[in-house]
Amino acid sequence: MKALVCAPSRQRLGAGSALVRWGVELADKLGLESWLEASPYGYPLYKLYGFQDVKVMDFKITERWGATKPEGRNWGENNALELGGPLPSGSLRSVIMRRPAKAN
């Protein structure tokens, strides 16, 4: 398992899109399906590349660690709503996603 992460100061410059595009193009060439776990920030990018929601994991951040959501932070409120419904208060949503293999 590998993680694709980027420092906040370097986000939205195209590196993530380039890496995801490379990965899905390679998977398509090999006829493979792709799986990943999407953070709240990565979720919209993966949707653009054809990944579909499979499972929602809501982590009770506030209850478990006492953390409060900083203003303007994305904890996944708008991610996988059809599958997981509204995000419970004080939770962070991570989504398991799948992109089907493309026919060659």
PDB file of N, CA and C in Angstrom:
ATOM      1  N   MET A   1       0.848  -1.175   0.000  1.00  0.00           N
ATOM      2  CA  MET A   1       0.000   0.000   0.000  1.00  0.00           C
ATOM      3  C   MET A   1       0.892   1.236   0.000  1.00  0.00           C
ATOM      4  N   LYS A   2       0.564   2.174  -0.837  1.00  0.00           N
ATOM      5  CA  LYS A   2       1.306   3.432  -0.942  1.00  0.00           C
ATOM      6  C   LYS A   2       0.361   4.593  -0.685  1.00  0.00           C
ATOM      7  N   ALA A   3       0.907   5.664  -0.178  1.00  0.00           N
ATOM      8  CA  ALA A   3       0.112   6.864   0.067  1.00  0.00           C
ATOM      9  C   ALA A   3       0.583   7.976  -0.856  1.00  0.00           C
ATOM     10  N   LEU A   4      -0.379   8.698  -1.398  1.00  0.00           N
ATOM     11  CA  LEU A   4      -0.089   9.872  -2.227  1.00  0.00           C
ATOM     12  C   LEU A   4      -0.499  11.079  -1.401  1.00  0.00           C
ATOM     13  N   VAL A   5       0.472  11.856  -0.958  1.00  0.00           N
ATOM     14  CA  VAL A   5       0.193  13.024  -0.128  1.00  0.00           C
ATOM     15  C   VAL A   5       0.988  14.215  -0.647  1.00  0.00           C
ATOM     16  N   CYS A   6       0.522  15.387  -0.274  1.00  0.00           N
ATOM     17  CA  CYS A   6       1.180  16.611  -0.715  1.00  0.00           C
ATOM     18  C   CYS A   6       1.077  17.650   0.402  1.00  0.00           C
ATOM     19  N   ALA A   7       2.140  18.394   0.612  1.00  0.00           N
ATOM     20  CA  ALA A   7       2.111  19.468   1.600  1.00  0.00           C
ATOM     21  C   ALA A   7       1.048  20.487   1.197  1.00  0.00           C
ATOM     22  N   PRO A   8       0.291  21.003   2.163  1.00  0.00           N
ATOM     23  CA  PRO A   8      -0.766  21.971   1.832  1.00  0.00           C
ATOM     24  C   PRO A   8      -0.289  23.132   0.972  1.00  0.00           C
ATOM     25  N   SER A   9       0.931  23.591   1.180  1.00  0.00           N
ATOM     26  CA  SER A   9       1.438  24.722   0.395  1.00  0.00           C
ATOM     27  C   SER A   9       1.709  24.356  -1.069  1.00  0.00           C
ATOM     28  N   ARG A  10       1.753  23.063  -1.379  1.00  0.00           N
ATOM     29  CA  ARG A  10       2.042  22.606  -2.741  1.00  0.00           C
ATOM     30  C   ARG A  10       0.824  21.973  -3.417  1.00  0.00           C
ATOM     31  N   GLN A  11      -0.330  22.029  -2.752  1.00  0.00           N
ATOM     32  CA  GLN A  11      -1.541  21.450  -3.323  1.00  0.00           C
ATOM     33  C   GLN A  11      -2.088  22.338  -4.437  1.00  0.00           C
ATOM     34  N   ARG A  12      -2.890  21.728  -5.312  1.00  0.00           N
ATOM     35  CA  ARG A  12      -3.599  22.406  -6.393  1.00  0.00           C
ATOM     36  C   ARG A  12      -2.659  22.933  -7.475  1.00  0.00           C
ATOM     37  N   LEU A  13      -1.507  22.246  -7.638  1.00  0.00           N
ATOM     38  CA  LEU A  13      -0.552  22.628  -8.671  1.00  0.00           C
ATOM     39  C   LEU A  13      -0.471  21.591  -9.790  1.00  0.00           C
ATOM     40  N   GLY A  14      -1.242  20.498  -9.697  1.00  0.00           N
ATOM     41  CA  GLY A  14      -1.319  19.518 -10.770  1.00  0.00           C
ATOM     42  C   GLY A  14      -0.545  18.229 -10.582  1.00  0.00           C
ATOM     43  N   ALA A  15       0.266  18.116  -9.544  1.00  0.00           N
ATOM     44  CA  ALA A  15       1.058  16.899  -9.353  1.00  0.00           C
ATOM     45  C   ALA A  15       0.162  15.692  -9.065  1.00  0.00           C
ATOM     46  N   GLY A  16      -0.828  15.870  -8.220  1.00  0.00           N
ATOM     47  CA  GLY A  16      -1.739  14.765  -7.892  1.00  0.00           C
ATOM     48  C   GLY A  16      -2.490  14.288  -9.119  1.00  0.00           C
ATOM     49  N   SER A  17      -3.001  15.219  -9.899  1.00  0.00           N
ATOM     50  CA  SER A  17      -3.715  14.859 -11.128  1.00  0.00           C
ATOM     51  C   SER A  17      -2.804  14.100 -12.091  1.00  0.00           C
ATOM     52  N   ALA A  18      -1.572  14.552 -12.218  1.00  0.00           N
ATOM     53  CA  ALA A  18      -0.633  13.885 -13.124  1.00  0.00           C
ATOM     54  C   ALA A  18      -0.363  12.458 -12.672  1.00  0.00           C
ATOM     55  N   LEU A  19      -0.184  12.257 -11.375  1.00  0.00           N
ATOM     56  CA  LEU A  19       0.084  10.908 -10.862  1.00  0.00           C
ATOM     57  C   LEU A  19      -1.131   9.991 -10.994  1.00  0.00           C
ATOM     58  N   VAL A  20      -2.311  10.502 -10.696  1.00  0.00           N
ATOM     59  CA  VAL A  20      -3.520   9.685 -10.833  1.00  0.00           C
ATOM     60  C   VAL A  20      -3.761   9.348 -12.308  1.00  0.00           C
ATOM     61  N   ARG A  21      -3.600  10.330 -13.171  1.00  0.00           N
ATOM     62  CA  ARG A  21      -3.769  10.081 -14.609  1.00  0.00           C
ATOM     63  C   ARG A  21      -2.806   8.996 -15.087  1.00  0.00           C
ATOM     64  N   TRP A  22      -1.540   9.082 -14.689  1.00  0.00           N
ATOM     65  CA  TRP A  22      -0.550   8.071 -15.050  1.00  0.00           C
ATOM     66  C   TRP A  22      -0.990   6.700 -14.549  1.00  0.00           C
ATOM     67  N   GLY A  23      -1.449   6.632 -13.308  1.00  0.00           N
ATOM     68  CA  GLY A  23      -1.869   5.355 -12.729  1.00  0.00           C
ATOM     69  C   GLY A  23      -3.062   4.739 -13.434  1.00  0.00           C
ATOM     70  N   VAL A  24      -4.077   5.541 -13.734  1.00  0.00           N
ATOM     71  CA  VAL A  24      -5.263   4.981 -14.396  1.00  0.00           C
ATOM     72  C   VAL A  24      -4.959   4.622 -15.850  1.00  0.00           C
ATOM     73  N   GLU A  25      -4.083   5.375 -16.504  1.00  0.00           N
ATOM     74  CA  GLU A  25      -3.700   5.022 -17.871  1.00  0.00           C
ATOM     75  C   GLU A  25      -2.944   3.691 -17.896  1.00  0.00           C
ATOM     76  N   LEU A  26      -2.069   3.488 -16.923  1.00  0.00           N
ATOM     77  CA  LEU A  26      -1.338   2.224 -16.830  1.00  0.00           C
ATOM     78  C   LEU A  26      -2.309   1.077 -16.524  1.00  0.00           C
ATOM     79  N   ALA A  27      -3.212   1.287 -15.581  1.00  0.00           N
ATOM     80  CA  ALA A  27      -4.201   0.262 -15.259  1.00  0.00           C
ATOM     81  C   ALA A  27      -5.048  -0.083 -16.480  1.00  0.00           C
ATOM     82  N   ASP A  28      -5.450   0.931 -17.240  1.00  0.00           N
ATOM     83  CA  ASP A  28      -6.236   0.693 -18.453  1.00  0.00           C
ATOM     84  C   ASP A  28      -5.435  -0.126 -19.468  1.00  0.00           C
ATOM     85  N   LYS A  29      -4.186   0.222 -19.632  1.00  0.00           N
ATOM     86  CA  LYS A  29      -3.323  -0.480 -20.580  1.00  0.00           C
ATOM     87  C   LYS A  29      -3.188  -1.961 -20.199  1.00  0.00           C
ATOM     88  N   LEU A  30      -3.116  -2.224 -18.891  1.00  0.00           N
ATOM     89  CA  LEU A  30      -2.957  -3.591 -18.395  1.00  0.00           C
ATOM     90  C   LEU A  30      -4.293  -4.298 -18.153  1.00  0.00           C
ATOM     91  N   GLY A  31      -5.398  -3.561 -18.313  1.00  0.00           N
ATOM     92  CA  GLY A  31      -6.717  -4.150 -18.095  1.00  0.00           C
ATOM     93  C   GLY A  31      -7.012  -4.455 -16.635  1.00  0.00           C
ATOM     94  N   LEU A  32      -6.495  -3.637 -15.731  1.00  0.00           N
ATOM     95  CA  LEU A  32      -6.663  -3.861 -14.295  1.00  0.00           C
ATOM     96  C   LEU A  32      -7.649  -2.879 -13.673  1.00  0.00           C
ATOM     97  N   GLU A  33      -8.377  -3.353 -12.672  1.00  0.00           N
ATOM     98  CA  GLU A  33      -9.182  -2.433 -11.886  1.00  0.00           C
ATOM     99  C   GLU A  33      -8.269  -1.777 -10.860  1.00  0.00           C
ATOM    100  N   SER A  34      -8.702  -0.654 -10.309  1.00  0.00           N
ATOM    101  CA  SER A  34      -7.904   0.090  -9.333  1.00  0.00           C
ATOM    102  C   SER A  34      -8.725   0.320  -8.077  1.00  0.00           C
ATOM    103  N   TRP A  35      -8.063   0.262  -6.939  1.00  0.00           N
ATOM    104  CA  TRP A  35      -8.697   0.499  -5.638  1.00  0.00           C
ATOM    105  C   TRP A  35      -7.875   1.520  -4.872  1.00  0.00           C
ATOM    106  N   LEU A  36      -8.552   2.324  -4.040  1.00  0.00           N
ATOM    107  CA  LEU A  36      -7.842   3.270  -3.189  1.00  0.00           C
ATOM    108  C   LEU A  36      -8.725   3.691  -2.022  1.00  0.00           C
ATOM    109  N   GLU A  37      -8.079   4.310  -1.056  1.00  0.00           N
ATOM    110  CA  GLU A  37      -8.798   4.941   0.054  1.00  0.00           C
ATOM    111  C   GLU A  37      -8.644   6.438  -0.127  1.00  0.00           C
ATOM    112  N   ALA A  38      -9.764   7.128  -0.246  1.00  0.00           N
ATOM    113  CA  ALA A  38      -9.757   8.561  -0.514  1.00  0.00           C
ATOM    114  C   ALA A  38      -9.927   9.373   0.765  1.00  0.00           C
ATOM    115  N   SER A  39      -9.027  10.306   0.960  1.00  0.00           N
ATOM    116  CA  SER A  39      -9.170  11.270   2.044  1.00  0.00           C
ATOM    117  C   SER A  39     -10.236  12.288   1.639  1.00  0.00           C
ATOM    118  N   PRO A  40     -10.686  13.102   2.576  1.00  0.00           N
ATOM    119  CA  PRO A  40     -11.651  14.142   2.201  1.00  0.00           C
ATOM    120  C   PRO A  40     -11.147  15.050   1.084  1.00  0.00           C
ATOM    121  N   TYR A  41      -9.858  15.339   1.063  1.00  0.00           N
ATOM    122  CA  TYR A  41      -9.323  16.244   0.051  1.00  0.00           C
ATOM    123  C   TYR A  41      -9.118  15.550  -1.302  1.00  0.00           C
ATOM    124  N   GLY A  42      -8.746  14.280  -1.304  1.00  0.00           N
ATOM    125  CA  GLY A  42      -8.499  13.570  -2.550  1.00  0.00           C
ATOM    126  C   GLY A  42      -9.754  13.085  -3.250  1.00  0.00           C
ATOM    127  N   TYR A  43     -10.838  12.961  -2.510  1.00  0.00           N
ATOM    128  CA  TYR A  43     -12.071  12.386  -3.045  1.00  0.00           C
ATOM    129  C   TYR A  43     -12.539  13.021  -4.358  1.00  0.00           C
ATOM    130  N   PRO A  44     -12.651  14.337  -4.469  1.00  0.00           N
ATOM    131  CA  PRO A  44     -13.126  14.920  -5.731  1.00  0.00           C
ATOM    132  C   PRO A  44     -12.207  14.598  -6.920  1.00  0.00           C
ATOM    133  N   LEU A  45     -10.907  14.547  -6.701  1.00  0.00           N
ATOM    134  CA  LEU A  45      -9.963  14.218  -7.762  1.00  0.00           C
ATOM    135  C   LEU A  45     -10.214  12.802  -8.271  1.00  0.00           C
ATOM    136  N   TYR A  46     -10.386  11.865  -7.362  1.00  0.00           N
ATOM    137  CA  TYR A  46     -10.588  10.476  -7.764  1.00  0.00           C
ATOM    138  C   TYR A  46     -11.915  10.299  -8.498  1.00  0.00           C
ATOM    139  N   LYS A  47     -12.923  11.039  -8.121  1.00  0.00           N
ATOM    140  CA  LYS A  47     -14.207  10.980  -8.843  1.00  0.00           C
ATOM    141  C   LYS A  47     -14.010  11.424 -10.297  1.00  0.00           C
ATOM    142  N   LEU A  48     -13.183  12.441 -10.509  1.00  0.00           N
ATOM    143  CA  LEU A  48     -12.912  12.922 -11.870  1.00  0.00           C
ATOM    144  C   LEU A  48     -12.299  11.839 -12.757  1.00  0.00           C
ATOM    145  N   TYR A  49     -11.573  10.928 -12.149  1.00  0.00           N
ATOM    146  CA  TYR A  49     -10.900   9.868 -12.898  1.00  0.00           C
ATOM    147  C   TYR A  49     -11.686   8.557 -12.911  1.00  0.00           C
ATOM    148  N   GLY A  50     -12.959   8.615 -12.551  1.00  0.00           N
ATOM    149  CA  GLY A  50     -13.830   7.453 -12.701  1.00  0.00           C
ATOM    150  C   GLY A  50     -13.898   6.499 -11.526  1.00  0.00           C
ATOM    151  N   PHE A  51     -13.349   6.870 -10.396  1.00  0.00           N
ATOM    152  CA  PHE A  51     -13.445   6.006  -9.220  1.00  0.00           C
ATOM    153  C   PHE A  51     -14.856   6.094  -8.639  1.00  0.00           C
ATOM    154  N   GLN A  52     -15.345   4.956  -8.158  1.00  0.00           N
ATOM    155  CA  GLN A  52     -16.700   4.853  -7.620  1.00  0.00           C
ATOM    156  C   GLN A  52     -16.651   4.507  -6.132  1.00  0.00           C
ATOM    157  N   ASP A  53     -17.600   5.029  -5.385  1.00  0.00           N
ATOM    158  CA  ASP A  53     -17.686   4.765  -3.950  1.00  0.00           C
ATOM    159  C   ASP A  53     -18.020   3.298  -3.701  1.00  0.00           C
ATOM    160  N   VAL A  54     -17.303   2.684  -2.764  1.00  0.00           N
ATOM    161  CA  VAL A  54     -17.561   1.293  -2.391  1.00  0.00           C
ATOM    162  C   VAL A  54     -17.961   1.192  -0.921  1.00  0.00           C
ATOM    163  N   LYS A  55     -17.207   1.862  -0.061  1.00  0.00           N
ATOM    164  CA  LYS A  55     -17.454   1.779   1.389  1.00  0.00           C
ATOM    165  C   LYS A  55     -17.066   3.099   2.039  1.00  0.00           C
ATOM    166  N   VAL A  56     -17.862   3.504   2.984  1.00  0.00           N
ATOM    167  CA  VAL A  56     -17.611   4.730   3.740  1.00  0.00           C
ATOM    168  C   VAL A  56     -17.095   4.349   5.121  1.00  0.00           C
ATOM    169  N   MET A  57     -16.074   5.075   5.569  1.00  0.00           N
ATOM    170  CA  MET A  57     -15.561   4.888   6.929  1.00  0.00           C
ATOM    171  C   MET A  57     -15.591   6.245   7.616  1.00  0.00           C
ATOM    172  N   ASP A  58     -16.449   6.379   8.600  1.00  0.00           N
ATOM    173  CA  ASP A  58     -16.558   7.623   9.360  1.00  0.00           C
ATOM    174  C   ASP A  58     -15.823   7.448  10.687  1.00  0.00           C
ATOM    175  N   PHE A  59     -14.810   8.257  10.899  1.00  0.00           N
ATOM    176  CA  PHE A  59     -14.010   8.189  12.115  1.00  0.00           C
ATOM    177  C   PHE A  59     -14.468   9.282  13.069  1.00  0.00           C
ATOM    178  N   LYS A  60     -14.812   8.907  14.287  1.00  0.00           N
ATOM    179  CA  LYS A  60     -15.331   9.853  15.281  1.00  0.00           C
ATOM    180  C   LYS A  60     -14.167  10.604  15.926  1.00  0.00           C
ATOM    181  N   ILE A  61     -13.678  11.585  15.218  1.00  0.00           N
ATOM    182  CA  ILE A  61     -12.500  12.344  15.638  1.00  0.00           C
ATOM    183  C   ILE A  61     -12.743  13.086  16.954  1.00  0.00           C
ATOM    184  N   THR A  62     -13.856  13.774  17.046  1.00  0.00           N
ATOM    185  CA  THR A  62     -14.141  14.567  18.240  1.00  0.00           C
ATOM    186  C   THR A  62     -14.341  13.672  19.460  1.00  0.00           C
ATOM    187  N   GLU A  63     -15.123  12.617  19.284  1.00  0.00           N
ATOM    188  CA  GLU A  63     -15.409  11.709  20.401  1.00  0.00           C
ATOM    189  C   GLU A  63     -14.164  10.947  20.842  1.00  0.00           C
ATOM    190  N   ARG A  64     -13.378  10.484  19.880  1.00  0.00           N
ATOM    191  CA  ARG A  64     -12.228   9.627  20.172  1.00  0.00           C
ATOM    192  C   ARG A  64     -11.027  10.411  20.703  1.00  0.00           C
ATOM    193  N   TRP A  65     -10.716  11.546  20.052  1.00  0.00           N
ATOM    194  CA  TRP A  65      -9.505  12.293  20.412  1.00  0.00           C
ATOM    195  C   TRP A  65      -9.775  13.695  20.942  1.00  0.00           C
ATOM    196  N   GLY A  66     -11.010  14.102  20.956  1.00  0.00           N
ATOM    197  CA  GLY A  66     -11.341  15.419  21.478  1.00  0.00           C
ATOM    198  C   GLY A  66     -11.014  16.561  20.540  1.00  0.00           C
ATOM    199  N   ALA A  67     -10.609  16.242  19.322  1.00  0.00           N
ATOM    200  CA  ALA A  67     -10.270  17.285  18.349  1.00  0.00           C
ATOM    201  C   ALA A  67     -11.531  17.990  17.879  1.00  0.00           C
ATOM    202  N   THR A  68     -11.412  19.256  17.633  1.00  0.00           N
ATOM    203  CA  THR A  68     -12.522  20.004  17.050  1.00  0.00           C
ATOM    204  C   THR A  68     -12.128  20.412  15.644  1.00  0.00           C
ATOM    205  N   LYS A  69     -13.112  20.540  14.791  1.00  0.00           N
ATOM    206  CA  LYS A  69     -12.853  20.853  13.392  1.00  0.00           C
ATOM    207  C   LYS A  69     -12.470  22.325  13.238  1.00  0.00           C
ATOM    208  N   PRO A  70     -11.264  22.590  12.729  1.00  0.00           N
ATOM    209  CA  PRO A  70     -10.883  23.978  12.475  1.00  0.00           C
ATOM    210  C   PRO A  70     -11.761  24.567  11.369  1.00  0.00           C
ATOM    211  N   GLU A  71     -12.031  25.830  11.460  1.00  0.00           N
ATOM    212  CA  GLU A  71     -12.854  26.502  10.461  1.00  0.00           C
ATOM    213  C   GLU A  71     -12.244  26.341   9.068  1.00  0.00           C
ATOM    214  N   GLY A  72     -13.076  25.981   8.119  1.00  0.00           N
ATOM    215  CA  GLY A  72     -12.638  25.841   6.738  1.00  0.00           C
ATOM    216  C   GLY A  72     -12.008  24.503   6.389  1.00  0.00           C
ATOM    217  N   ARG A  73     -11.834  23.596   7.349  1.00  0.00           N
ATOM    218  CA  ARG A  73     -11.237  22.288   7.066  1.00  0.00           C
ATOM    219  C   ARG A  73     -12.279  21.341   6.492  1.00  0.00           C
ATOM    220  N   ASN A  74     -11.853  20.506   5.582  1.00  0.00           N
ATOM    221  CA  ASN A  74     -12.717  19.525   4.938  1.00  0.00           C
ATOM    222  C   ASN A  74     -12.584  18.197   5.669  1.00  0.00           C
ATOM    223  N   TRP A  75     -13.651  17.769   6.310  1.00  0.00           N
ATOM    224  CA  TRP A  75     -13.656  16.472   6.981  1.00  0.00           C
ATOM    225  C   TRP A  75     -14.514  15.475   6.197  1.00  0.00           C
ATOM    226  N   GLY A  76     -14.826  15.781   4.954  1.00  0.00           N
ATOM    227  CA  GLY A  76     -15.559  14.862   4.099  1.00  0.00           C
ATOM    228  C   GLY A  76     -17.062  15.013   4.140  1.00  0.00           C
ATOM    229  N   GLU A  77     -17.543  16.194   4.510  1.00  0.00           N
ATOM    230  CA  GLU A  77     -18.985  16.424   4.642  1.00  0.00           C
ATOM    231  C   GLU A  77     -19.757  16.145   3.357  1.00  0.00           C
ATOM    232  N   ASN A  78     -19.131  16.377   2.203  1.00  0.00           N
ATOM    233  CA  ASN A  78     -19.818  16.227   0.918  1.00  0.00           C
ATOM    234  C   ASN A  78     -19.389  14.983   0.151  1.00  0.00           C
ATOM    235  N   ASN A  79     -18.682  14.079   0.794  1.00  0.00           N
ATOM    236  CA  ASN A  79     -18.174  12.892   0.122  1.00  0.00           C
ATOM    237  C   ASN A  79     -19.088  11.690   0.322  1.00  0.00           C
ATOM    238  N   ALA A  80     -19.353  10.958  -0.759  1.00  0.00           N
ATOM    239  CA  ALA A  80     -20.101   9.695  -0.748  1.00  0.00           C
ATOM    240  C   ALA A  80     -21.441   9.813  -0.023  1.00  0.00           C
ATOM    241  N   LEU A  81     -22.162  10.889  -0.274  1.00  0.00           N
ATOM    242  CA  LEU A  81     -23.437  11.100   0.415  1.00  0.00           C
ATOM    243  C   LEU A  81     -24.470  10.036   0.071  1.00  0.00           C
ATOM    244  N   GLU A  82     -24.495   9.588  -1.189  1.00  0.00           N
ATOM    245  CA  GLU A  82     -25.473   8.566  -1.570  1.00  0.00           C
ATOM    246  C   GLU A  82     -25.221   7.254  -0.841  1.00  0.00           C
ATOM    247  N   LEU A  83     -23.964   6.919  -0.632  1.00  0.00           N
ATOM    248  CA  LEU A  83     -23.606   5.668   0.035  1.00  0.00           C
ATOM    249  C   LEU A  83     -23.660   5.785   1.556  1.00  0.00           C
ATOM    250  N   GLY A  84     -23.107   6.865   2.095  1.00  0.00           N
ATOM    251  CA  GLY A  84     -22.972   6.979   3.544  1.00  0.00           C
ATOM    252  C   GLY A  84     -23.921   7.927   4.224  1.00  0.00           C
ATOM    253  N   GLY A  85     -24.672   8.712   3.454  1.00  0.00           N
ATOM    254  CA  GLY A  85     -25.554   9.700   4.056  1.00  0.00           C
ATOM    255  C   GLY A  85     -24.761  10.862   4.623  1.00  0.00           C
ATOM    256  N   PRO A  86     -25.440  11.737   5.363  1.00  0.00           N
ATOM    257  CA  PRO A  86     -24.744  12.886   5.952  1.00  0.00           C
ATOM    258  C   PRO A  86     -23.657  12.439   6.932  1.00  0.00           C
ATOM    259  N   LEU A  87     -22.578  13.182   6.967  1.00  0.00           N
ATOM    260  CA  LEU A  87     -21.483  12.884   7.886  1.00  0.00           C
ATOM    261  C   LEU A  87     -21.906  13.211   9.311  1.00  0.00           C
ATOM    262  N   PRO A  88     -21.780  12.253  10.240  1.00  0.00           N
ATOM    263  CA  PRO A  88     -22.116  12.553  11.636  1.00  0.00           C
ATOM    264  C   PRO A  88     -21.237  13.680  12.190  1.00  0.00           C
ATOM    265  N   SER A  89     -21.794  14.496  13.023  1.00  0.00           N
ATOM    266  CA  SER A  89     -21.066  15.606  13.632  1.00  0.00           C
ATOM    267  C   SER A  89     -19.815  15.094  14.347  1.00  0.00           C
ATOM    268  N   GLY A  90     -18.704  15.791  14.167  1.00  0.00           N
ATOM    269  CA  GLY A  90     -17.457  15.433  14.836  1.00  0.00           C
ATOM    270  C   GLY A  90     -16.706  14.285  14.196  1.00  0.00           C
ATOM    271  N   SER A  91     -17.136  13.867  13.002  1.00  0.00           N
ATOM    272  CA  SER A  91     -16.499  12.735  12.319  1.00  0.00           C
ATOM    273  C   SER A  91     -15.748  13.188  11.082  1.00  0.00           C
ATOM    274  N   LEU A  92     -14.780  12.363  10.668  1.00  0.00           N
ATOM    275  CA  LEU A  92     -14.039  12.553   9.436  1.00  0.00           C
ATOM    276  C   LEU A  92     -14.355  11.357   8.533  1.00  0.00           C
ATOM    277  N   ARG A  93     -14.640  11.614   7.253  1.00  0.00           N
ATOM    278  CA  ARG A  93     -15.037  10.546   6.334  1.00  0.00           C
ATOM    279  C   ARG A  93     -13.902  10.194   5.378  1.00  0.00           C
ATOM    280  N   SER A  94     -13.598   8.913   5.325  1.00  0.00           N
ATOM    281  CA  SER A  94     -12.678   8.334   4.370  1.00  0.00           C
ATOM    282  C   SER A  94     -13.510   7.376   3.512  1.00  0.00           C
ATOM    283  N   VAL A  95     -13.180   7.249   2.226  1.00  0.00           N
ATOM    284  CA  VAL A  95     -13.998   6.441   1.325  1.00  0.00           C
ATOM    285  C   VAL A  95     -13.127   5.452   0.562  1.00  0.00           C
ATOM    286  N   ILE A  96     -13.497   4.176   0.602  1.00  0.00           N
ATOM    287  CA  ILE A  96     -12.869   3.168  -0.242  1.00  0.00           C
ATOM    288  C   ILE A  96     -13.500   3.306  -1.619  1.00  0.00           C
ATOM    289  N   MET A  97     -12.674   3.393  -2.650  1.00  0.00           N
ATOM    290  CA  MET A  97     -13.151   3.618  -4.007  1.00  0.00           C
ATOM    291  C   MET A  97     -12.552   2.601  -4.970  1.00  0.00           C
ATOM    292  N   ARG A  98     -13.295   2.329  -6.036  1.00  0.00           N
ATOM    293  CA  ARG A  98     -12.872   1.366  -7.049  1.00  0.00           C
ATOM    294  C   ARG A  98     -13.081   1.983  -8.431  1.00  0.00           C
ATOM    295  N   ARG A  99     -12.139   1.714  -9.308  1.00  0.00           N
ATOM    296  CA  ARG A  99     -12.270   2.106 -10.706  1.00  0.00           C
ATOM    297  C   ARG A  99     -12.200   0.826 -11.523  1.00  0.00           C
ATOM    298  N   PRO A 100     -13.301   0.492 -12.221  1.00  0.00           N
ATOM    299  CA  PRO A 100     -13.324  -0.763 -12.983  1.00  0.00           C
ATOM    300  C   PRO A 100     -12.262  -0.786 -14.074  1.00  0.00           C
ATOM    301  N   ALA A 101     -11.853  -1.993 -14.428  1.00  0.00           N
ATOM    302  CA  ALA A 101     -10.912  -2.166 -15.527  1.00  0.00           C
ATOM    303  C   ALA A 101     -11.586  -1.730 -16.827  1.00  0.00           C
ATOM    304  N   LYS A 102     -10.831  -1.097 -17.679  1.00  0.00           N
ATOM    305  CA  LYS A 102     -11.333  -0.682 -18.985  1.00  0.00           C
ATOM    306  C   LYS A 102     -11.037  -1.778 -19.992  1.00  0.00           C
ATOM    307  N   ALA A 103     -11.984  -2.036 -20.862  1.00  0.00           N
ATOM    308  CA  ALA A 103     -11.776  -3.035 -21.905  1.00  0.00           C
ATOM    309  C   ALA A 103     -10.756  -2.521 -22.913  1.00  0.00           C
ATOM    310  N   ASN A 104      -9.850  -3.382 -23.302  1.00  0.00           N
ATOM    311  CA  ASN A 104      -8.816  -2.994 -24.281  1.00  0.00           C
ATOM    312  C   ASN A 104      -9.357  -3.071 -25.684  1.00  0.00           C
TER     313      ASN A 104
END
